[in-house]
Amino acid sequence: MKKKSQIYNQIFIYILTIILISFILVYGYNAVQNFRSRAEQVSCLKFRNDMQNAVESISSDFGSVKRKDLQLCAPYSKACFVENFEMPVLDNNIDPIIKDSILSNTGKKYLLSRMCFA
């Protein structure tokens, strides 16, 4: 037969183990979420830099055409590029956020469906 002190010691060990495991799980979850968030930021910065480099590399070659494959960052599904020399004719099937940004003439060069790059 076990003594009462042994039972209390086991309960204390179980409670301590549960607290420690829950702390490790919460810390791990937060670390993974932070890592994902930073990976998305890096992906968006990479897209922005790749786009700027592609535009700068072809801007001096008037009339030339180069195909450049770029990968959008995670939360975005499409990109819209607008030249603001003249007021563009917009279709009715264009995304309303992009349409509003174009019509407001904010001077943004690269528009994404949920974010603008200056």
C-alpha atoms as a PDB file:
ATOM      1  CA  MET A   1       0.000   0.000   0.000  1.00  0.00           C
ATOM      2  CA  LYS A   2       1.254   3.444  -0.958  1.00  0.00           C
ATOM      3  CA  LYS A   3       1.675   6.154   1.536  1.00  0.00           C
ATOM      4  CA  LYS A   4      -0.203   9.416   1.167  1.00  0.00           C
ATOM      5  CA  SER A   5       3.008  11.365   0.658  1.00  0.00           C
ATOM      6  CA  GLN A   6       3.865   9.215  -2.379  1.00  0.00           C
ATOM      7  CA  ILE A   7       0.429   9.922  -3.915  1.00  0.00           C
ATOM      8  CA  TYR A   8       0.845  13.661  -3.324  1.00  0.00           C
ATOM      9  CA  ASN A   9       4.301  13.541  -4.899  1.00  0.00           C
ATOM     10  CA  GLN A  10       2.915  11.815  -7.999  1.00  0.00           C
ATOM     11  CA  ILE A  11       0.109  14.367  -8.322  1.00  0.00           C
ATOM     12  CA  PHE A  12       2.638  17.184  -8.018  1.00  0.00           C
ATOM     13  CA  ILE A  13       4.796  15.585 -10.745  1.00  0.00           C
ATOM     14  CA  TYR A  14       1.755  15.163 -13.048  1.00  0.00           C
ATOM     15  CA  ILE A  15       0.685  18.786 -12.571  1.00  0.00           C
ATOM     16  CA  LEU A  16       4.206  20.041 -13.157  1.00  0.00           C
ATOM     17  CA  THR A  17       4.490  17.873 -16.297  1.00  0.00           C
ATOM     18  CA  ILE A  18       1.185  19.200 -17.674  1.00  0.00           C
ATOM     19  CA  ILE A  19       2.254  22.812 -17.040  1.00  0.00           C
ATOM     20  CA  LEU A  20       5.642  22.241 -18.673  1.00  0.00           C
ATOM     21  CA  ILE A  21       4.183  20.499 -21.735  1.00  0.00           C
ATOM     22  CA  SER A  22       1.534  23.203 -22.209  1.00  0.00           C
ATOM     23  CA  PHE A  23       4.225  25.898 -21.964  1.00  0.00           C
ATOM     24  CA  ILE A  24       6.325  24.117 -24.608  1.00  0.00           C
ATOM     25  CA  LEU A  25       3.305  23.721 -26.941  1.00  0.00           C
ATOM     26  CA  VAL A  26       2.303  27.390 -26.650  1.00  0.00           C
ATOM     27  CA  TYR A  27       5.877  28.568 -27.196  1.00  0.00           C
ATOM     28  CA  GLY A  28       6.284  26.233 -30.180  1.00  0.00           C
ATOM     29  CA  TYR A  29       3.018  27.384 -31.750  1.00  0.00           C
ATOM     30  CA  ASN A  30       4.004  31.039 -31.383  1.00  0.00           C
ATOM     31  CA  ALA A  31       7.448  30.344 -32.856  1.00  0.00           C
ATOM     32  CA  VAL A  32       5.949  28.598 -35.903  1.00  0.00           C
ATOM     33  CA  GLN A  33       3.442  31.434 -36.469  1.00  0.00           C
ATOM     34  CA  ASN A  34       6.232  34.010 -36.212  1.00  0.00           C
ATOM     35  CA  PHE A  35       8.337  32.018 -38.680  1.00  0.00           C
ATOM     36  CA  ARG A  36       5.424  31.844 -41.174  1.00  0.00           C
ATOM     37  CA  SER A  37       4.773  35.565 -40.868  1.00  0.00           C
ATOM     38  CA  ARG A  38       8.405  36.407 -41.539  1.00  0.00           C
ATOM     39  CA  ALA A  39       8.508  33.989 -44.477  1.00  0.00           C
ATOM     40  CA  GLU A  40       5.525  35.808 -46.050  1.00  0.00           C
ATOM     41  CA  GLN A  41       7.234  39.164 -45.526  1.00  0.00           C
ATOM     42  CA  VAL A  42      10.419  37.877 -47.152  1.00  0.00           C
ATOM     43  CA  SER A  43       8.406  36.483 -50.059  1.00  0.00           C
ATOM     44  CA  CYS A  44       6.711  39.857 -50.638  1.00  0.00           C
ATOM     45  CA  LEU A  45      10.028  41.714 -50.438  1.00  0.00           C
ATOM     46  CA  LYS A  46      11.549  39.261 -52.901  1.00  0.00           C
ATOM     47  CA  PHE A  47       8.674  39.830 -55.329  1.00  0.00           C
ATOM     48  CA  ARG A  48       9.026  43.587 -54.996  1.00  0.00           C
ATOM     49  CA  ASN A  49      12.801  43.507 -55.576  1.00  0.00           C
ATOM     50  CA  ASP A  50      12.477  41.086 -58.505  1.00  0.00           C
ATOM     51  CA  MET A  51       9.824  43.308 -60.092  1.00  0.00           C
ATOM     52  CA  GLN A  52      11.893  46.461 -59.653  1.00  0.00           C
ATOM     53  CA  ASN A  53      14.970  44.751 -61.102  1.00  0.00           C
ATOM     54  CA  ALA A  54      12.965  43.450 -64.066  1.00  0.00           C
ATOM     55  CA  VAL A  55      11.529  46.896 -64.810  1.00  0.00           C
ATOM     56  CA  GLU A  56      14.903  48.606 -64.444  1.00  0.00           C
ATOM     57  CA  SER A  57      16.647  46.062 -66.674  1.00  0.00           C
ATOM     58  CA  ILE A  58      14.243  46.581 -69.577  1.00  0.00           C
ATOM     59  CA  SER A  59      13.489  50.295 -69.152  1.00  0.00           C
ATOM     60  CA  SER A  60      16.571  51.352 -71.134  1.00  0.00           C
ATOM     61  CA  ASP A  61      15.754  49.032 -74.083  1.00  0.00           C
ATOM     62  CA  PHE A  62      12.888  50.886 -75.785  1.00  0.00           C
ATOM     63  CA  GLY A  63      10.607  48.587 -77.773  1.00  0.00           C
ATOM     64  CA  SER A  64      12.179  45.360 -76.550  1.00  0.00           C
ATOM     65  CA  VAL A  65      10.237  42.554 -74.951  1.00  0.00           C
ATOM     66  CA  LYS A  66      11.506  40.175 -72.289  1.00  0.00           C
ATOM     67  CA  ARG A  67       9.573  37.474 -70.542  1.00  0.00           C
ATOM     68  CA  LYS A  68      10.083  37.375 -66.803  1.00  0.00           C
ATOM     69  CA  ASP A  69       8.441  34.777 -64.563  1.00  0.00           C
ATOM     70  CA  LEU A  70       7.787  36.120 -61.084  1.00  0.00           C
ATOM     71  CA  GLN A  71       6.156  34.426 -58.146  1.00  0.00           C
ATOM     72  CA  LEU A  72       3.591  36.390 -56.118  1.00  0.00           C
ATOM     73  CA  CYS A  73       3.823  36.280 -52.362  1.00  0.00           C
ATOM     74  CA  ALA A  74       1.477  34.036 -50.400  1.00  0.00           C
ATOM     75  CA  PRO A  75      -1.676  36.042 -49.610  1.00  0.00           C
ATOM     76  CA  TYR A  76      -2.027  37.488 -53.130  1.00  0.00           C
ATOM     77  CA  SER A  77      -3.487  35.877 -56.207  1.00  0.00           C
ATOM     78  CA  LYS A  78      -3.046  38.589 -58.839  1.00  0.00           C
ATOM     79  CA  ALA A  79      -1.086  41.719 -59.667  1.00  0.00           C
ATOM     80  CA  CYS A  80      -2.067  44.740 -61.729  1.00  0.00           C
ATOM     81  CA  PHE A  81       0.405  47.081 -63.446  1.00  0.00           C
ATOM     82  CA  VAL A  82      -0.811  50.474 -64.637  1.00  0.00           C
ATOM     83  CA  GLU A  83       0.884  53.276 -66.545  1.00  0.00           C
ATOM     84  CA  ASN A  84      -0.516  56.596 -65.378  1.00  0.00           C
ATOM     85  CA  PHE A  85       0.251  58.612 -68.505  1.00  0.00           C
ATOM     86  CA  GLU A  86      -3.387  58.617 -69.594  1.00  0.00           C
ATOM     87  CA  MET A  87      -6.591  57.673 -67.824  1.00  0.00           C
ATOM     88  CA  PRO A  88      -7.048  53.947 -68.582  1.00  0.00           C
ATOM     89  CA  VAL A  89     -10.269  52.420 -69.837  1.00  0.00           C
ATOM     90  CA  LEU A  90     -11.329  49.925 -67.181  1.00  0.00           C
ATOM     91  CA  ASP A  91     -13.474  46.847 -67.647  1.00  0.00           C
ATOM     92  CA  ASN A  92     -16.340  46.088 -65.305  1.00  0.00           C
ATOM     93  CA  ASN A  93     -14.764  42.785 -64.270  1.00  0.00           C
ATOM     94  CA  ILE A  94     -11.700  44.403 -62.651  1.00  0.00           C
ATOM     95  CA  ASP A  95     -11.242  44.096 -58.902  1.00  0.00           C
ATOM     96  CA  PRO A  96     -12.983  47.058 -57.156  1.00  0.00           C
ATOM     97  CA  ILE A  97     -10.014  47.791 -54.874  1.00  0.00           C
ATOM     98  CA  ILE A  98      -7.632  47.975 -57.819  1.00  0.00           C
ATOM     99  CA  LYS A  99     -10.144  50.037 -59.830  1.00  0.00           C
ATOM    100  CA  ASP A 100     -10.496  52.531 -56.973  1.00  0.00           C
ATOM    101  CA  SER A 101      -6.723  52.813 -56.597  1.00  0.00           C
ATOM    102  CA  ILE A 102      -6.300  53.443 -60.343  1.00  0.00           C
ATOM    103  CA  LEU A 103      -9.078  56.027 -60.507  1.00  0.00           C
ATOM    104  CA  SER A 104      -7.835  57.865 -57.398  1.00  0.00           C
ATOM    105  CA  ASN A 105      -4.512  58.430 -59.234  1.00  0.00           C
ATOM    106  CA  THR A 106      -2.381  57.823 -56.144  1.00  0.00           C
ATOM    107  CA  GLY A 107       0.760  57.350 -58.195  1.00  0.00           C
ATOM    108  CA  LYS A 108       1.269  53.761 -57.098  1.00  0.00           C
ATOM    109  CA  LYS A 109       3.099  51.733 -59.711  1.00  0.00           C
ATOM    110  CA  TYR A 110       2.543  48.155 -58.625  1.00  0.00           C
ATOM    111  CA  LEU A 111      -0.878  47.203 -57.323  1.00  0.00           C
ATOM    112  CA  LEU A 112      -1.788  43.915 -55.719  1.00  0.00           C
ATOM    113  CA  SER A 113      -5.323  42.913 -54.936  1.00  0.00           C
ATOM    114  CA  ARG A 114      -4.866  43.606 -51.209  1.00  0.00           C
ATOM    115  CA  MET A 115      -1.688  45.666 -51.000  1.00  0.00           C
ATOM    116  CA  CYS A 116       0.110  48.438 -52.892  1.00  0.00           C
ATOM    117  CA  PHE A 117       3.846  48.767 -53.417  1.00  0.00           C
ATOM    118  CA  ALA A 118       5.124  52.288 -53.926  1.00  0.00           C
END
